Amino acid sequence: MRREELKDKLLMLLLDKFNLSVEHAEEGLRLNEDLRIDSVMIIQLIVYIELEIGLEVPDHTIDPRAFATLGSVLDFMMELTPLPAGIENRG
């Protein structure tokens, strides 16, 4: 997936699942400080990345630094692989 496509999908998740309104989706936006996304919401976001976007997120790849900014989340997502066939993907 291209970065812009992932960015669109990530922003849709933030809007649909967390009711966040992101006017200017700058990659420097900080998840915690600017968007008020807490640690529980980060865990939910990881689940949504798998279920809604269809990217496999192995436990050993999760690094809290990857969830500092929108850009770092996109960098993280760019490294992920699609879920294996047969796993439900609604995205």
N, C-alpha and C. Protein backbone atom coordinates (compact mmCIF):
# COMPACT_ATOMS: atom_id res chain seq x y z
N MET A 1 0.83 -1.18 0.00
CA MET A 1 0.00 0.00 0.00
C MET A 1 0.88 1.25 0.00
N ARG A 2 0.44 2.24 -0.70
CA ARG A 2 1.17 3.51 -0.73
C ARG A 2 0.94 4.29 0.57
N ARG A 3 1.89 5.15 0.90
CA ARG A 3 1.82 5.93 2.13
C ARG A 3 0.55 6.79 2.18
N GLU A 4 0.21 7.45 1.07
CA GLU A 4 -0.98 8.30 1.05
C GLU A 4 -2.25 7.50 1.30
N GLU A 5 -2.30 6.29 0.75
CA GLU A 5 -3.45 5.42 0.95
C GLU A 5 -3.55 5.02 2.43
N LEU A 6 -2.41 4.67 3.02
CA LEU A 6 -2.39 4.33 4.45
C LEU A 6 -2.79 5.53 5.30
N LYS A 7 -2.32 6.70 4.92
CA LYS A 7 -2.66 7.92 5.66
C LYS A 7 -4.17 8.15 5.63
N ASP A 8 -4.78 7.99 4.47
CA ASP A 8 -6.23 8.15 4.36
C ASP A 8 -6.96 7.14 5.24
N LYS A 9 -6.51 5.90 5.22
CA LYS A 9 -7.14 4.85 6.03
C LYS A 9 -6.96 5.13 7.52
N LEU A 10 -5.77 5.59 7.91
CA LEU A 10 -5.51 5.93 9.31
C LEU A 10 -6.41 7.08 9.76
N LEU A 11 -6.53 8.09 8.95
CA LEU A 11 -7.38 9.23 9.31
C LEU A 11 -8.84 8.82 9.42
N MET A 12 -9.29 7.92 8.54
CA MET A 12 -10.66 7.42 8.63
C MET A 12 -10.88 6.65 9.93
N LEU A 13 -9.87 5.86 10.34
CA LEU A 13 -9.98 5.16 11.63
C LEU A 13 -10.11 6.15 12.78
N LEU A 14 -9.29 7.18 12.77
CA LEU A 14 -9.33 8.17 13.84
C LEU A 14 -10.68 8.87 13.88
N LEU A 15 -11.22 9.15 12.72
CA LEU A 15 -12.52 9.80 12.64
C LEU A 15 -13.64 8.86 13.05
N ASP A 16 -13.68 7.67 12.45
CA ASP A 16 -14.78 6.73 12.68
C ASP A 16 -14.76 6.07 14.05
N LYS A 17 -13.60 5.63 14.49
CA LYS A 17 -13.52 4.83 15.72
C LYS A 17 -13.30 5.66 16.97
N PHE A 18 -12.62 6.81 16.82
CA PHE A 18 -12.28 7.61 17.99
C PHE A 18 -12.98 8.97 17.99
N ASN A 19 -13.79 9.22 16.97
CA ASN A 19 -14.52 10.49 16.85
C ASN A 19 -13.59 11.70 16.93
N LEU A 20 -12.40 11.56 16.37
CA LEU A 20 -11.45 12.66 16.34
C LEU A 20 -11.61 13.42 15.03
N SER A 21 -11.54 14.70 15.12
CA SER A 21 -11.59 15.53 13.93
C SER A 21 -10.19 16.07 13.69
N VAL A 22 -9.58 15.63 12.61
CA VAL A 22 -8.22 16.04 12.29
C VAL A 22 -8.31 16.96 11.06
N GLU A 23 -8.26 18.27 11.30
CA GLU A 23 -8.38 19.23 10.20
C GLU A 23 -7.15 19.20 9.30
N HIS A 24 -6.01 19.32 9.92
CA HIS A 24 -4.76 19.34 9.18
C HIS A 24 -3.98 18.08 9.56
N ALA A 25 -4.00 17.10 8.68
CA ALA A 25 -3.38 15.81 8.98
C ALA A 25 -1.88 15.86 8.72
N GLU A 26 -1.22 16.69 9.48
CA GLU A 26 0.22 16.80 9.36
C GLU A 26 0.87 15.63 10.08
N GLU A 27 1.92 15.10 9.47
CA GLU A 27 2.57 13.93 10.05
C GLU A 27 3.24 14.22 11.38
N GLY A 28 3.45 15.48 11.69
CA GLY A 28 4.06 15.86 12.96
C GLY A 28 3.09 15.92 14.13
N LEU A 29 1.79 15.74 13.85
CA LEU A 29 0.82 15.76 14.95
C LEU A 29 1.13 14.64 15.93
N ARG A 30 1.20 15.01 17.21
CA ARG A 30 1.49 14.03 18.26
C ARG A 30 0.19 13.37 18.71
N LEU A 31 0.21 12.05 18.79
CA LEU A 31 -1.01 11.34 19.14
C LEU A 31 -1.50 11.71 20.53
N ASN A 32 -0.62 11.72 21.51
CA ASN A 32 -1.04 11.98 22.88
C ASN A 32 -1.30 13.46 23.12
N GLU A 33 -0.35 14.29 22.84
CA GLU A 33 -0.44 15.70 23.19
C GLU A 33 -1.41 16.48 22.31
N ASP A 34 -1.39 16.23 20.99
CA ASP A 34 -2.23 17.01 20.08
C ASP A 34 -3.60 16.39 19.84
N LEU A 35 -3.66 15.08 19.74
CA LEU A 35 -4.92 14.40 19.41
C LEU A 35 -5.60 13.78 20.63
N ARG A 36 -4.94 13.83 21.79
CA ARG A 36 -5.50 13.29 23.04
C ARG A 36 -5.81 11.79 22.96
N ILE A 37 -4.92 11.06 22.30
CA ILE A 37 -5.05 9.60 22.22
C ILE A 37 -4.24 9.01 23.37
N ASP A 38 -4.93 8.28 24.26
CA ASP A 38 -4.24 7.71 25.41
C ASP A 38 -3.76 6.29 25.11
N SER A 39 -3.16 5.65 26.10
CA SER A 39 -2.56 4.33 25.89
C SER A 39 -3.59 3.26 25.55
N VAL A 40 -4.78 3.34 26.12
CA VAL A 40 -5.83 2.38 25.79
C VAL A 40 -6.26 2.55 24.34
N MET A 41 -6.36 3.78 23.90
CA MET A 41 -6.74 4.06 22.52
C MET A 41 -5.66 3.58 21.54
N ILE A 42 -4.40 3.64 21.97
CA ILE A 42 -3.31 3.14 21.13
C ILE A 42 -3.48 1.64 20.91
N ILE A 43 -3.82 0.92 21.97
CA ILE A 43 -4.04 -0.53 21.85
C ILE A 43 -5.21 -0.79 20.91
N GLN A 44 -6.27 -0.01 21.04
CA GLN A 44 -7.41 -0.15 20.14
C GLN A 44 -6.99 0.14 18.70
N LEU A 45 -6.16 1.16 18.51
CA LEU A 45 -5.68 1.51 17.17
C LEU A 45 -4.92 0.35 16.54
N ILE A 46 -4.11 -0.32 17.33
CA ILE A 46 -3.35 -1.47 16.83
C ILE A 46 -4.32 -2.56 16.34
N VAL A 47 -5.37 -2.81 17.12
CA VAL A 47 -6.37 -3.80 16.73
C VAL A 47 -7.05 -3.37 15.44
N TYR A 48 -7.41 -2.10 15.33
CA TYR A 48 -8.07 -1.60 14.12
C TYR A 48 -7.15 -1.67 12.90
N ILE A 49 -5.85 -1.46 13.11
CA ILE A 49 -4.91 -1.57 12.00
C ILE A 49 -4.96 -2.98 11.43
N GLU A 50 -5.09 -3.96 12.31
CA GLU A 50 -5.21 -5.35 11.83
C GLU A 50 -6.57 -5.62 11.23
N LEU A 51 -7.64 -5.34 11.96
CA LEU A 51 -8.98 -5.74 11.53
C LEU A 51 -9.55 -4.89 10.40
N GLU A 52 -9.32 -3.61 10.44
CA GLU A 52 -9.93 -2.71 9.47
C GLU A 52 -9.05 -2.47 8.24
N ILE A 53 -7.75 -2.36 8.47
CA ILE A 53 -6.84 -2.09 7.35
C ILE A 53 -6.25 -3.38 6.79
N GLY A 54 -6.22 -4.43 7.62
CA GLY A 54 -5.75 -5.73 7.14
C GLY A 54 -4.25 -5.90 7.15
N LEU A 55 -3.58 -5.22 8.09
CA LEU A 55 -2.13 -5.36 8.22
C LEU A 55 -1.82 -6.17 9.48
N GLU A 56 -0.90 -7.11 9.34
CA GLU A 56 -0.51 -7.96 10.47
C GLU A 56 0.44 -7.19 11.38
N VAL A 57 0.10 -7.14 12.67
CA VAL A 57 0.93 -6.44 13.65
C VAL A 57 1.44 -7.45 14.66
N PRO A 58 2.60 -8.08 14.39
CA PRO A 58 3.17 -9.03 15.35
C PRO A 58 3.54 -8.31 16.65
N ASP A 59 3.30 -8.96 17.78
CA ASP A 59 3.56 -8.36 19.08
C ASP A 59 4.99 -7.83 19.21
N HIS A 60 5.94 -8.57 18.66
CA HIS A 60 7.35 -8.17 18.83
C HIS A 60 7.71 -6.91 18.03
N THR A 61 6.84 -6.46 17.13
CA THR A 61 7.14 -5.27 16.34
C THR A 61 6.61 -4.00 16.97
N ILE A 62 5.82 -4.13 18.03
CA ILE A 62 5.19 -2.95 18.64
C ILE A 62 6.21 -2.23 19.53
N ASP A 63 6.46 -0.99 19.16
CA ASP A 63 7.38 -0.13 19.89
C ASP A 63 6.61 1.15 20.22
N PRO A 64 6.54 1.54 21.48
CA PRO A 64 5.78 2.74 21.84
C PRO A 64 6.20 3.98 21.05
N ARG A 65 7.45 4.06 20.65
CA ARG A 65 7.93 5.22 19.88
C ARG A 65 7.25 5.32 18.52
N ALA A 66 6.74 4.18 18.02
CA ALA A 66 6.05 4.17 16.73
C ALA A 66 4.71 4.89 16.81
N PHE A 67 4.24 5.17 18.01
CA PHE A 67 2.94 5.80 18.18
C PHE A 67 3.06 7.20 18.78
N ALA A 68 4.15 7.87 18.43
CA ALA A 68 4.37 9.22 18.92
C ALA A 68 3.65 10.26 18.06
N THR A 69 3.74 10.12 16.74
CA THR A 69 3.14 11.08 15.82
C THR A 69 2.41 10.34 14.71
N LEU A 70 1.60 11.07 13.95
CA LEU A 70 0.95 10.45 12.79
C LEU A 70 1.99 9.89 11.84
N GLY A 71 3.08 10.62 11.63
CA GLY A 71 4.14 10.17 10.73
C GLY A 71 4.81 8.90 11.21
N SER A 72 5.04 8.79 12.52
CA SER A 72 5.68 7.57 13.03
C SER A 72 4.75 6.37 12.93
N VAL A 73 3.43 6.59 13.08
CA VAL A 73 2.48 5.50 12.91
C VAL A 73 2.49 5.05 11.45
N LEU A 74 2.53 6.01 10.53
CA LEU A 74 2.59 5.66 9.11
C LEU A 74 3.87 4.91 8.77
N ASP A 75 5.00 5.34 9.34
CA ASP A 75 6.26 4.62 9.13
C ASP A 75 6.12 3.18 9.60
N PHE A 76 5.52 3.00 10.78
CA PHE A 76 5.28 1.67 11.35
C PHE A 76 4.41 0.84 10.42
N MET A 77 3.32 1.43 9.94
CA MET A 77 2.39 0.72 9.08
C MET A 77 3.03 0.33 7.75
N MET A 78 3.92 1.15 7.24
CA MET A 78 4.60 0.87 5.97
C MET A 78 5.46 -0.39 6.07
N GLU A 79 5.90 -0.74 7.28
CA GLU A 79 6.74 -1.91 7.49
C GLU A 79 5.94 -3.21 7.67
N LEU A 80 4.63 -3.08 7.86
CA LEU A 80 3.80 -4.25 8.12
C LEU A 80 3.42 -4.96 6.83
N THR A 81 3.07 -6.24 6.98
CA THR A 81 2.64 -7.03 5.82
C THR A 81 1.14 -7.29 5.93
N PRO A 82 0.49 -7.53 4.80
CA PRO A 82 -0.95 -7.84 4.85
C PRO A 82 -1.20 -9.11 5.65
N LEU A 83 -2.38 -9.16 6.25
CA LEU A 83 -2.78 -10.37 6.97
C LEU A 83 -2.85 -11.54 6.00
N PRO A 84 -2.54 -12.75 6.48
CA PRO A 84 -2.66 -13.91 5.62
C PRO A 84 -4.08 -14.11 5.13
N ALA A 85 -4.24 -14.74 3.99
CA ALA A 85 -5.57 -15.01 3.43
C ALA A 85 -6.41 -15.79 4.44
N GLY A 86 -7.68 -15.49 4.46
CA GLY A 86 -8.58 -16.20 5.35
C GLY A 86 -8.84 -15.44 6.65
N ILE A 87 -8.04 -14.42 6.93
CA ILE A 87 -8.26 -13.60 8.12
C ILE A 87 -9.19 -12.48 7.68
N GLU A 88 -10.23 -12.25 8.47
CA GLU A 88 -11.23 -11.24 8.10
C GLU A 88 -10.62 -9.86 8.02
N ASN A 89 -10.92 -9.17 6.94
CA ASN A 89 -10.46 -7.79 6.74
C ASN A 89 -11.65 -7.01 6.24
N ARG A 90 -12.09 -6.06 7.03
CA ARG A 90 -13.25 -5.25 6.64
C ARG A 90 -12.84 -3.96 6.00
N GLY A 91 -11.53 -3.69 5.86
CA GLY A 91 -11.07 -2.41 5.30
C GLY A 91 -10.91 -2.53 3.87
